[in-house]
Full PDB file with SEQRES, HELIX, SHEET, SSBOND, CRYST1, ORIGX, SCALE, CONECT and MASTER records, all heavy atoms in Angstrom:
SEQRES   1 A   33  TYR GLY GLU ALA PHE ARG GLU ALA LEU LYS GLU ASP ALA          
SEQRES   2 A   33  SER PRO LEU ILE TRP PHE CYS ASP TYR GLY GLU LYS ARG          
SEQRES   3 A   33  GLY GLU ASP THR VAL THR GLU                                  
HELIX    1 AA1 GLY A    2  LEU A    9  1                                   8    
SHEET    1 AA1 2 GLU A  24  ARG A  26  0                                        
SHEET    2 AA1 2 ASP A  29  VAL A  31 -1                                        
CRYST1    1.000    1.000    1.000  90.00  90.00  90.00 P 1           1          
ORIGX1      1.000000  0.000000  0.000000        0.00000                         
ORIGX2      0.000000  1.000000  0.000000        0.00000                         
ORIGX3      0.000000  0.000000  1.000000        0.00000                         
SCALE1      1.000000  0.000000  0.000000        0.00000                         
SCALE2      0.000000  1.000000  0.000000        0.00000                         
SCALE3      0.000000  0.000000  1.000000        0.00000                         
ATOM      1  N   TYR A   1     -56.391  62.657   4.609  1.00  0.00           N  
ATOM      2  CA  TYR A   1     -57.687  63.340   4.766  1.00  0.00           C  
ATOM      3  C   TYR A   1     -58.748  62.406   5.356  1.00  0.00           C  
ATOM      4  O   TYR A   1     -59.363  62.708   6.383  1.00  0.00           O  
ATOM      5  CB  TYR A   1     -58.152  63.890   3.414  1.00  0.00           C  
ATOM      6  CG  TYR A   1     -59.506  64.573   3.470  1.00  0.00           C  
ATOM      7  CD1 TYR A   1     -59.591  65.949   3.644  1.00  0.00           C  
ATOM      8  CD2 TYR A   1     -60.699  63.859   3.341  1.00  0.00           C  
ATOM      9  CE1 TYR A   1     -60.826  66.596   3.700  1.00  0.00           C  
ATOM     10  CE2 TYR A   1     -61.933  64.486   3.404  1.00  0.00           C  
ATOM     11  CZ  TYR A   1     -61.996  65.848   3.578  1.00  0.00           C  
ATOM     12  OH  TYR A   1     -63.220  66.469   3.637  1.00  0.00           O  
ATOM     13  N   GLY A   2     -58.979  61.279   4.717  1.00  0.00           N  
ATOM     14  CA  GLY A   2     -60.021  60.353   5.167  1.00  0.00           C  
ATOM     15  C   GLY A   2     -59.747  59.780   6.539  1.00  0.00           C  
ATOM     16  O   GLY A   2     -60.670  59.581   7.345  1.00  0.00           O  
ATOM     17  N   GLU A   3     -58.492  59.525   6.827  1.00  0.00           N  
ATOM     18  CA  GLU A   3     -58.131  58.971   8.135  1.00  0.00           C  
ATOM     19  C   GLU A   3     -58.402  59.994   9.231  1.00  0.00           C  
ATOM     20  O   GLU A   3     -58.922  59.649  10.303  1.00  0.00           O  
ATOM     21  CB  GLU A   3     -56.661  58.572   8.140  1.00  0.00           C  
ATOM     22  CG  GLU A   3     -56.204  57.925   9.430  1.00  0.00           C  
ATOM     23  CD  GLU A   3     -54.772  57.414   9.365  1.00  0.00           C  
ATOM     24  OE1 GLU A   3     -54.112  57.585   8.312  1.00  0.00           O  
ATOM     25  OE2 GLU A   3     -54.320  56.838  10.373  1.00  0.00           O  
ATOM     26  N   ALA A   4     -58.060  61.257   8.993  1.00  0.00           N  
ATOM     27  CA  ALA A   4     -58.293  62.300   9.998  1.00  0.00           C  
ATOM     28  C   ALA A   4     -59.779  62.481  10.267  1.00  0.00           C  
ATOM     29  O   ALA A   4     -60.199  62.686  11.418  1.00  0.00           O  
ATOM     30  CB  ALA A   4     -57.683  63.617   9.526  1.00  0.00           C  
ATOM     31  N   PHE A   5     -60.583  62.391   9.216  1.00  0.00           N  
ATOM     32  CA  PHE A   5     -62.035  62.506   9.393  1.00  0.00           C  
ATOM     33  C   PHE A   5     -62.547  61.397  10.299  1.00  0.00           C  
ATOM     34  O   PHE A   5     -63.324  61.635  11.232  1.00  0.00           O  
ATOM     35  CB  PHE A   5     -62.709  62.461   8.020  1.00  0.00           C  
ATOM     36  CG  PHE A   5     -64.173  62.129   8.070  1.00  0.00           C  
ATOM     37  CD1 PHE A   5     -65.074  62.994   8.669  1.00  0.00           C  
ATOM     38  CD2 PHE A   5     -64.643  60.937   7.550  1.00  0.00           C  
ATOM     39  CE1 PHE A   5     -66.428  62.678   8.730  1.00  0.00           C  
ATOM     40  CE2 PHE A   5     -65.988  60.615   7.596  1.00  0.00           C  
ATOM     41  CZ  PHE A   5     -66.880  61.491   8.194  1.00  0.00           C  
ATOM     42  N   ARG A   6     -62.104  60.183  10.064  1.00  0.00           N  
ATOM     43  CA  ARG A   6     -62.575  59.054  10.877  1.00  0.00           C  
ATOM     44  C   ARG A   6     -62.101  59.164  12.325  1.00  0.00           C  
ATOM     45  O   ARG A   6     -62.819  58.779  13.253  1.00  0.00           O  
ATOM     46  CB  ARG A   6     -62.118  57.742  10.249  1.00  0.00           C  
ATOM     47  CG  ARG A   6     -62.936  57.360   9.017  1.00  0.00           C  
ATOM     48  CD  ARG A   6     -62.334  56.149   8.320  1.00  0.00           C  
ATOM     49  NE  ARG A   6     -63.172  55.687   7.243  1.00  0.00           N  
ATOM     50  CZ  ARG A   6     -63.265  56.274   6.047  1.00  0.00           C  
ATOM     51  NH1 ARG A   6     -62.554  57.371   5.804  1.00  0.00           N  
ATOM     52  NH2 ARG A   6     -64.064  55.795   5.103  1.00  0.00           N  
ATOM     53  N   GLU A   7     -60.914  59.674  12.530  1.00  0.00           N  
ATOM     54  CA  GLU A   7     -60.414  59.864  13.889  1.00  0.00           C  
ATOM     55  C   GLU A   7     -61.289  60.869  14.648  1.00  0.00           C  
ATOM     56  O   GLU A   7     -61.557  60.700  15.839  1.00  0.00           O  
ATOM     57  CB  GLU A   7     -58.965  60.350  13.850  1.00  0.00           C  
ATOM     58  CG  GLU A   7     -57.956  59.265  13.532  1.00  0.00           C  
ATOM     59  CD  GLU A   7     -57.924  58.175  14.600  1.00  0.00           C  
ATOM     60  OE1 GLU A   7     -57.904  58.508  15.801  1.00  0.00           O  
ATOM     61  OE2 GLU A   7     -57.936  56.986  14.229  1.00  0.00           O  
ATOM     62  N   ALA A   8     -61.727  61.915  13.936  1.00  0.00           N  
ATOM     63  CA  ALA A   8     -62.564  62.930  14.584  1.00  0.00           C  
ATOM     64  C   ALA A   8     -63.902  62.361  15.040  1.00  0.00           C  
ATOM     65  O   ALA A   8     -64.452  62.787  16.061  1.00  0.00           O  
ATOM     66  CB  ALA A   8     -62.787  64.099  13.627  1.00  0.00           C  
ATOM     67  N   LEU A   9     -64.415  61.385  14.310  1.00  0.00           N  
ATOM     68  CA  LEU A   9     -65.701  60.794  14.666  1.00  0.00           C  
ATOM     69  C   LEU A   9     -65.639  60.010  15.973  1.00  0.00           C  
ATOM     70  O   LEU A   9     -66.675  59.729  16.572  1.00  0.00           O  
ATOM     71  CB  LEU A   9     -66.190  59.876  13.544  1.00  0.00           C  
ATOM     72  CG  LEU A   9     -66.569  60.543  12.215  1.00  0.00           C  
ATOM     73  CD1 LEU A   9     -67.183  59.510  11.280  1.00  0.00           C  
ATOM     74  CD2 LEU A   9     -67.537  61.704  12.423  1.00  0.00           C  
ATOM     75  N   LYS A  10     -64.436  59.666  16.426  1.00  0.00           N  
ATOM     76  CA  LYS A  10     -64.302  58.960  17.691  1.00  0.00           C  
ATOM     77  C   LYS A  10     -64.673  59.871  18.875  1.00  0.00           C  
ATOM     78  O   LYS A  10     -65.067  59.386  19.929  1.00  0.00           O  
ATOM     79  CB  LYS A  10     -62.878  58.434  17.857  1.00  0.00           C  
ATOM     80  CG  LYS A  10     -62.511  57.346  16.840  1.00  0.00           C  
ATOM     81  CD  LYS A  10     -61.077  56.880  17.019  1.00  0.00           C  
ATOM     82  CE  LYS A  10     -60.708  55.799  16.005  1.00  0.00           C  
ATOM     83  NZ  LYS A  10     -59.290  55.362  16.139  1.00  0.00           N  
ATOM     84  N   GLU A  11     -64.540  61.195  18.669  1.00  0.00           N  
ATOM     85  CA  GLU A  11     -64.894  62.147  19.722  1.00  0.00           C  
ATOM     86  C   GLU A  11     -66.327  62.641  19.576  1.00  0.00           C  
ATOM     87  O   GLU A  11     -67.010  62.900  20.561  1.00  0.00           O  
ATOM     88  CB  GLU A  11     -63.927  63.329  19.693  1.00  0.00           C  
ATOM     89  CG  GLU A  11     -62.503  62.958  20.061  1.00  0.00           C  
ATOM     90  CD  GLU A  11     -61.619  64.182  20.229  1.00  0.00           C  
ATOM     91  OE1 GLU A  11     -62.158  65.271  20.571  1.00  0.00           O  
ATOM     92  OE2 GLU A  11     -60.399  64.063  20.028  1.00  0.00           O  
ATOM     93  N   ASP A  12     -66.780  62.826  18.339  1.00  0.00           N  
ATOM     94  CA  ASP A  12     -68.161  63.247  18.082  1.00  0.00           C  
ATOM     95  C   ASP A  12     -68.619  62.484  16.847  1.00  0.00           C  
ATOM     96  O   ASP A  12     -68.197  62.784  15.729  1.00  0.00           O  
ATOM     97  CB  ASP A  12     -68.242  64.757  17.852  1.00  0.00           C  
ATOM     98  CG  ASP A  12     -69.684  65.252  17.721  1.00  0.00           C  
ATOM     99  OD1 ASP A  12     -70.577  64.436  17.398  1.00  0.00           O  
ATOM    100  OD2 ASP A  12     -69.925  66.448  17.938  1.00  0.00           O  
ATOM    101  N   ALA A  13     -69.491  61.523  17.030  1.00  0.00           N  
ATOM    102  CA  ALA A  13     -69.884  60.630  15.942  1.00  0.00           C  
ATOM    103  C   ALA A  13     -70.863  61.268  14.969  1.00  0.00           C  
ATOM    104  O   ALA A  13     -71.131  60.697  13.915  1.00  0.00           O  
ATOM    105  CB  ALA A  13     -70.502  59.343  16.511  1.00  0.00           C  
ATOM    106  N   SER A  14     -71.385  62.450  15.308  1.00  0.00           N  
ATOM    107  CA  SER A  14     -72.403  63.035  14.437  1.00  0.00           C  
ATOM    108  C   SER A  14     -72.282  64.550  14.343  1.00  0.00           C  
ATOM    109  O   SER A  14     -73.219  65.287  14.670  1.00  0.00           O  
ATOM    110  CB  SER A  14     -73.804  62.650  14.931  1.00  0.00           C  
ATOM    111  OG  SER A  14     -74.784  63.013  13.988  1.00  0.00           O  
ATOM    112  N   PRO A  15     -71.134  65.064  13.863  1.00  0.00           N  
ATOM    113  CA  PRO A  15     -71.022  66.512  13.662  1.00  0.00           C  
ATOM    114  C   PRO A  15     -71.870  66.945  12.470  1.00  0.00           C  
ATOM    115  O   PRO A  15     -72.200  66.120  11.605  1.00  0.00           O  
ATOM    116  CB  PRO A  15     -69.533  66.699  13.367  1.00  0.00           C  
ATOM    117  CG  PRO A  15     -69.136  65.411  12.701  1.00  0.00           C  
ATOM    118  CD  PRO A  15     -69.943  64.339  13.403  1.00  0.00           C  
ATOM    119  N   LEU A  16     -72.196  68.215  12.405  1.00  0.00           N  
ATOM    120  CA  LEU A  16     -72.873  68.727  11.213  1.00  0.00           C  
ATOM    121  C   LEU A  16     -71.947  68.642  10.004  1.00  0.00           C  
ATOM    122  O   LEU A  16     -72.326  68.120   8.956  1.00  0.00           O  
ATOM    123  CB  LEU A  16     -73.297  70.185  11.430  1.00  0.00           C  
ATOM    124  CG  LEU A  16     -74.603  70.442  12.168  1.00  0.00           C  
ATOM    125  CD1 LEU A  16     -74.728  71.920  12.501  1.00  0.00           C  
ATOM    126  CD2 LEU A  16     -75.790  69.980  11.331  1.00  0.00           C  
ATOM    127  N   ILE A  17     -70.750  69.190  10.189  1.00  0.00           N  
ATOM    128  CA  ILE A  17     -69.727  69.112   9.154  1.00  0.00           C  
ATOM    129  C   ILE A  17     -68.383  68.870   9.816  1.00  0.00           C  
ATOM    130  O   ILE A  17     -68.180  69.188  10.992  1.00  0.00           O  
ATOM    131  CB  ILE A  17     -69.649  70.392   8.286  1.00  0.00           C  
ATOM    132  CG1 ILE A  17     -69.331  71.632   9.149  1.00  0.00           C  
ATOM    133  CG2 ILE A  17     -70.923  70.583   7.477  1.00  0.00           C  
ATOM    134  CD1 ILE A  17     -69.075  72.901   8.345  1.00  0.00           C  
ATOM    135  N   TRP A  18     -67.479  68.299   9.057  1.00  0.00           N  
ATOM    136  CA  TRP A  18     -66.074  68.192   9.442  1.00  0.00           C  
ATOM    137  C   TRP A  18     -65.275  68.846   8.323  1.00  0.00           C  
ATOM    138  O   TRP A  18     -65.580  68.636   7.136  1.00  0.00           O  
ATOM    139  CB  TRP A  18     -65.664  66.727   9.587  1.00  0.00           C  
ATOM    140  CG  TRP A  18     -64.211  66.518   9.899  1.00  0.00           C  
ATOM    141  CD1 TRP A  18     -63.647  66.417  11.135  1.00  0.00           C  
ATOM    142  CD2 TRP A  18     -63.124  66.385   8.964  1.00  0.00           C  
ATOM    143  NE1 TRP A  18     -62.286  66.224  11.035  1.00  0.00           N  
ATOM    144  CE2 TRP A  18     -61.938  66.208   9.700  1.00  0.00           C  
ATOM    145  CE3 TRP A  18     -63.046  66.396   7.573  1.00  0.00           C  
ATOM    146  CZ2 TRP A  18     -60.687  66.044   9.104  1.00  0.00           C  
ATOM    147  CZ3 TRP A  18     -61.806  66.247   6.957  1.00  0.00           C  
ATOM    148  CH2 TRP A  18     -60.642  66.055   7.729  1.00  0.00           C  
ATOM    149  N   PHE A  19     -64.299  69.640   8.678  1.00  0.00           N  
ATOM    150  CA  PHE A  19     -63.478  70.272   7.642  1.00  0.00           C  
ATOM    151  C   PHE A  19     -62.063  70.460   8.155  1.00  0.00           C  
ATOM    152  O   PHE A  19     -61.813  70.426   9.368  1.00  0.00           O  
ATOM    153  CB  PHE A  19     -64.082  71.609   7.190  1.00  0.00           C  
ATOM    154  CG  PHE A  19     -64.099  72.675   8.247  1.00  0.00           C  
ATOM    155  CD1 PHE A  19     -63.120  73.653   8.284  1.00  0.00           C  
ATOM    156  CD2 PHE A  19     -65.108  72.714   9.209  1.00  0.00           C  
ATOM    157  CE1 PHE A  19     -63.134  74.646   9.256  1.00  0.00           C  
ATOM    158  CE2 PHE A  19     -65.136  73.701  10.187  1.00  0.00           C  
ATOM    159  CZ  PHE A  19     -64.147  74.663  10.211  1.00  0.00           C  
ATOM    160  N   CYS A  20     -61.155  70.656   7.249  1.00  0.00           N  
ATOM    161  CA  CYS A  20     -59.742  70.782   7.600  1.00  0.00           C  
ATOM    162  C   CYS A  20     -59.177  72.086   7.040  1.00  0.00           C  
ATOM    163  O   CYS A  20     -59.805  72.775   6.232  1.00  0.00           O  
ATOM    164  CB  CYS A  20     -58.955  69.598   7.060  1.00  0.00           C  
ATOM    165  SG  CYS A  20     -58.959  69.476   5.250  1.00  0.00           S  
ATOM    166  N   ASP A  21     -57.975  72.394   7.478  1.00  0.00           N  
ATOM    167  CA  ASP A  21     -57.241  73.497   6.866  1.00  0.00           C  
ATOM    168  C   ASP A  21     -56.830  73.071   5.459  1.00  0.00           C  
ATOM    169  O   ASP A  21     -56.805  71.878   5.129  1.00  0.00           O  
ATOM    170  CB  ASP A  21     -56.009  73.835   7.710  1.00  0.00           C  
ATOM    171  CG  ASP A  21     -55.475  75.230   7.419  1.00  0.00           C  
ATOM    172  OD1 ASP A  21     -55.975  75.882   6.487  1.00  0.00           O  
ATOM    173  OD2 ASP A  21     -54.543  75.659   8.123  1.00  0.00           O  
ATOM    174  N   TYR A  22     -56.532  74.047   4.632  1.00  0.00           N  
ATOM    175  CA  TYR A  22     -56.196  73.722   3.246  1.00  0.00           C  
ATOM    176  C   TYR A  22     -55.117  74.662   2.735  1.00  0.00           C  
ATOM    177  O   TYR A  22     -54.886  75.750   3.283  1.00  0.00           O  
ATOM    178  CB  TYR A  22     -57.441  73.813   2.355  1.00  0.00           C  
ATOM    179  CG  TYR A  22     -57.983  75.218   2.162  1.00  0.00           C  
ATOM    180  CD1 TYR A  22     -57.659  75.960   1.026  1.00  0.00           C  
ATOM    181  CD2 TYR A  22     -58.797  75.807   3.118  1.00  0.00           C  
ATOM    182  CE1 TYR A  22     -58.142  77.247   0.854  1.00  0.00           C  
ATOM    183  CE2 TYR A  22     -59.285  77.081   2.956  1.00  0.00           C  
ATOM    184  CZ  TYR A  22     -58.955  77.811   1.818  1.00  0.00           C  
ATOM    185  OH  TYR A  22     -59.431  79.080   1.660  1.00  0.00           O  
ATOM    186  N   GLY A  23     -54.448  74.225   1.697  1.00  0.00           N  
ATOM    187  CA  GLY A  23     -53.479  75.059   1.002  1.00  0.00           C  
ATOM    188  C   GLY A  23     -53.938  75.269  -0.429  1.00  0.00           C  
ATOM    189  O   GLY A  23     -55.077  74.972  -0.792  1.00  0.00           O  
ATOM    190  N   GLU A  24     -53.044  75.780  -1.249  1.00  0.00           N  
ATOM    191  CA  GLU A  24     -53.368  76.047  -2.641  1.00  0.00           C  
ATOM    192  C   GLU A  24     -52.353  75.399  -3.568  1.00  0.00           C  
ATOM    193  O   GLU A  24     -51.174  75.241  -3.224  1.00  0.00           O  
ATOM    194  CB  GLU A  24     -53.401  77.550  -2.911  1.00  0.00           C  
ATOM    195  CG  GLU A  24     -54.501  78.274  -2.172  1.00  0.00           C  
ATOM    196  CD  GLU A  24     -54.469  79.769  -2.391  1.00  0.00           C  
ATOM    197  OE1 GLU A  24     -53.412  80.295  -2.811  1.00  0.00           O  
ATOM    198  OE2 GLU A  24     -55.498  80.427  -2.132  1.00  0.00           O  
ATOM    199  N   LYS A  25     -52.826  75.010  -4.725  1.00  0.00           N  
ATOM    200  CA  LYS A  25     -51.962  74.501  -5.788  1.00  0.00           C  
ATOM    201  C   LYS A  25     -51.954  75.538  -6.904  1.00  0.00           C  
ATOM    202  O   LYS A  25     -52.979  75.814  -7.526  1.00  0.00           O  
ATOM    203  CB  LYS A  25     -52.496  73.159  -6.305  1.00  0.00           C  
ATOM    204  CG  LYS A  25     -51.504  72.399  -7.166  1.00  0.00           C  
ATOM    205  CD  LYS A  25     -50.359  71.837  -6.342  1.00  0.00           C  
ATOM    206  CE  LYS A  25     -49.433  70.967  -7.190  1.00  0.00           C  
ATOM    207  NZ  LYS A  25     -48.277  70.483  -6.404  1.00  0.00           N  
ATOM    208  N   ARG A  26     -50.810  76.148  -7.123  1.00  0.00           N  
ATOM    209  CA  ARG A  26     -50.658  77.165  -8.164  1.00  0.00           C  
ATOM    210  C   ARG A  26     -49.612  76.692  -9.157  1.00  0.00           C  
ATOM    211  O   ARG A  26     -48.419  76.778  -8.889  1.00  0.00           O  
ATOM    212  CB  ARG A  26     -50.271  78.510  -7.550  1.00  0.00           C  
ATOM    213  CG  ARG A  26     -51.355  79.109  -6.662  1.00  0.00           C  
ATOM    214  CD  ARG A  26     -50.899  80.386  -5.973  1.00  0.00           C  
ATOM    215  NE  ARG A  26     -51.986  81.018  -5.239  1.00  0.00           N  
ATOM    216  CZ  ARG A  26     -52.742  81.998  -5.720  1.00  0.00           C  
ATOM    217  NH1 ARG A  26     -52.502  82.465  -6.934  1.00  0.00           N  
ATOM    218  NH2 ARG A  26     -53.719  82.523  -4.994  1.00  0.00           N  
ATOM    219  N   GLY A  27     -50.080  76.166 -10.280  1.00  0.00           N  
ATOM    220  CA  GLY A  27     -49.155  75.546 -11.208  1.00  0.00           C  
ATOM    221  C   GLY A  27     -48.520  74.332 -10.563  1.00  0.00           C  
ATOM    222  O   GLY A  27     -49.208  73.452 -10.056  1.00  0.00           O  
ATOM    223  N   GLU A  28     -47.223  74.294 -10.524  1.00  0.00           N  
ATOM    224  CA  GLU A  28     -46.515  73.192  -9.874  1.00  0.00           C  
ATOM    225  C   GLU A  28     -46.210  73.489  -8.415  1.00  0.00           C  
ATOM    226  O   GLU A  28     -45.681  72.637  -7.702  1.00  0.00           O  
ATOM    227  CB  GLU A  28     -45.197  72.903 -10.622  1.00  0.00           C  
ATOM    228  CG  GLU A  28     -45.380  72.428 -12.049  1.00  0.00           C  
ATOM    229  CD  GLU A  28     -46.202  71.153 -12.125  1.00  0.00           C  
ATOM    230  OE1 GLU A  28     -45.945  70.243 -11.313  1.00  0.00           O  
ATOM    231  OE2 GLU A  28     -47.096  71.066 -12.987  1.00  0.00           O  
ATOM    232  N   ASP A  29     -46.545  74.686  -7.962  1.00  0.00           N  
ATOM    233  CA  ASP A  29     -46.200  75.104  -6.604  1.00  0.00           C  
ATOM    234  C   ASP A  29     -47.326  74.796  -5.623  1.00  0.00           C  
ATOM    235  O   ASP A  29     -48.505  75.008  -5.925  1.00  0.00           O  
ATOM    236  CB  ASP A  29     -45.901  76.607  -6.573  1.00  0.00           C  
ATOM    237  CG  ASP A  29     -44.685  76.974  -7.400  1.00  0.00           C  
ATOM    238  OD1 ASP A  29     -43.772  76.133  -7.508  1.00  0.00           O  
ATOM    239  OD2 ASP A  29     -44.652  78.094  -7.954  1.00  0.00           O  
ATOM    240  N   THR A  30     -46.948  74.321  -4.449  1.00  0.00           N  
ATOM    241  CA  THR A  30     -47.882  74.118  -3.346  1.00  0.00           C  
ATOM    242  C   THR A  30     -47.696  75.245  -2.346  1.00  0.00           C  
ATOM    243  O   THR A  30     -46.589  75.467  -1.851  1.00  0.00           O  
ATOM    244  CB  THR A  30     -47.638  72.766  -2.657  1.00  0.00           C  
ATOM    245  OG1 THR A  30     -47.889  71.707  -3.592  1.00  0.00           O  
ATOM    246  CG2 THR A  30     -48.550  72.598  -1.454  1.00  0.00           C  
ATOM    247  N   VAL A  31     -48.762  75.978  -2.072  1.00  0.00           N  
ATOM    248  CA  VAL A  31     -48.711  77.138  -1.183  1.00  0.00           C  
ATOM    249  C   VAL A  31     -49.547  76.843   0.056  1.00  0.00           C  
ATOM    250  O   VAL A  31     -50.748  76.601  -0.035  1.00  0.00           O  
ATOM    251  CB  VAL A  31     -49.252  78.405  -1.882  1.00  0.00           C  
ATOM    252  CG1 VAL A  31     -49.220  79.593  -0.934  1.00  0.00           C  
ATOM    253  CG2 VAL A  31     -48.460  78.692  -3.151  1.00  0.00           C  
ATOM    254  N   THR A  32     -48.905  76.836   1.209  1.00  0.00           N  
ATOM    255  CA  THR A  32     -49.636  76.628   2.469  1.00  0.00           C  
ATOM    256  C   THR A  32     -49.601  77.863   3.359  1.00  0.00           C  
ATOM    257  O   THR A  32     -50.300  77.914   4.364  1.00  0.00           O  
ATOM    258  CB  THR A  32     -49.066  75.432   3.253  1.00  0.00           C  
ATOM    259  OG1 THR A  32     -47.667  75.643   3.486  1.00  0.00           O  
ATOM    260  CG2 THR A  32     -49.258  74.137   2.469  1.00  0.00           C  
ATOM    261  N   GLU A  33     -48.790  78.861   2.970  1.00  0.00           N  
ATOM    262  CA  GLU A  33     -48.708  80.108   3.725  1.00  0.00           C  
ATOM    263  C   GLU A  33     -48.834  81.277   2.754  1.00  0.00           C  
ATOM    264  O   GLU A  33     -48.023  81.437   1.849  1.00  0.00           O  
ATOM    265  CB  GLU A  33     -47.384  80.208   4.483  1.00  0.00           C  
ATOM    266  CG  GLU A  33     -47.186  79.144   5.547  1.00  0.00           C  
ATOM    267  CD  GLU A  33     -48.137  79.308   6.719  1.00  0.00           C  
ATOM    268  OE1 GLU A  33     -48.608  80.438   6.950  1.00  0.00           O  
ATOM    269  OE2 GLU A  33     -48.412  78.303   7.400  1.00  0.00           O  
TER     270      GLU A  33                                                      
MASTER        0    0    0    1    2    0    0    6  269    1    0    3          
END                                                                             
C-alpha cells in the first residue's frame, strides 16, 4: 500500500487524494470479487 502511494507521487506530487481498490475480510475469508 505505502509503496504504491509513493510511486504515484512521482507522476503527480500533490493530488487531492490517493486511493486504491479494496477487498473485504469476512471472518477468515478474503473476498476480492
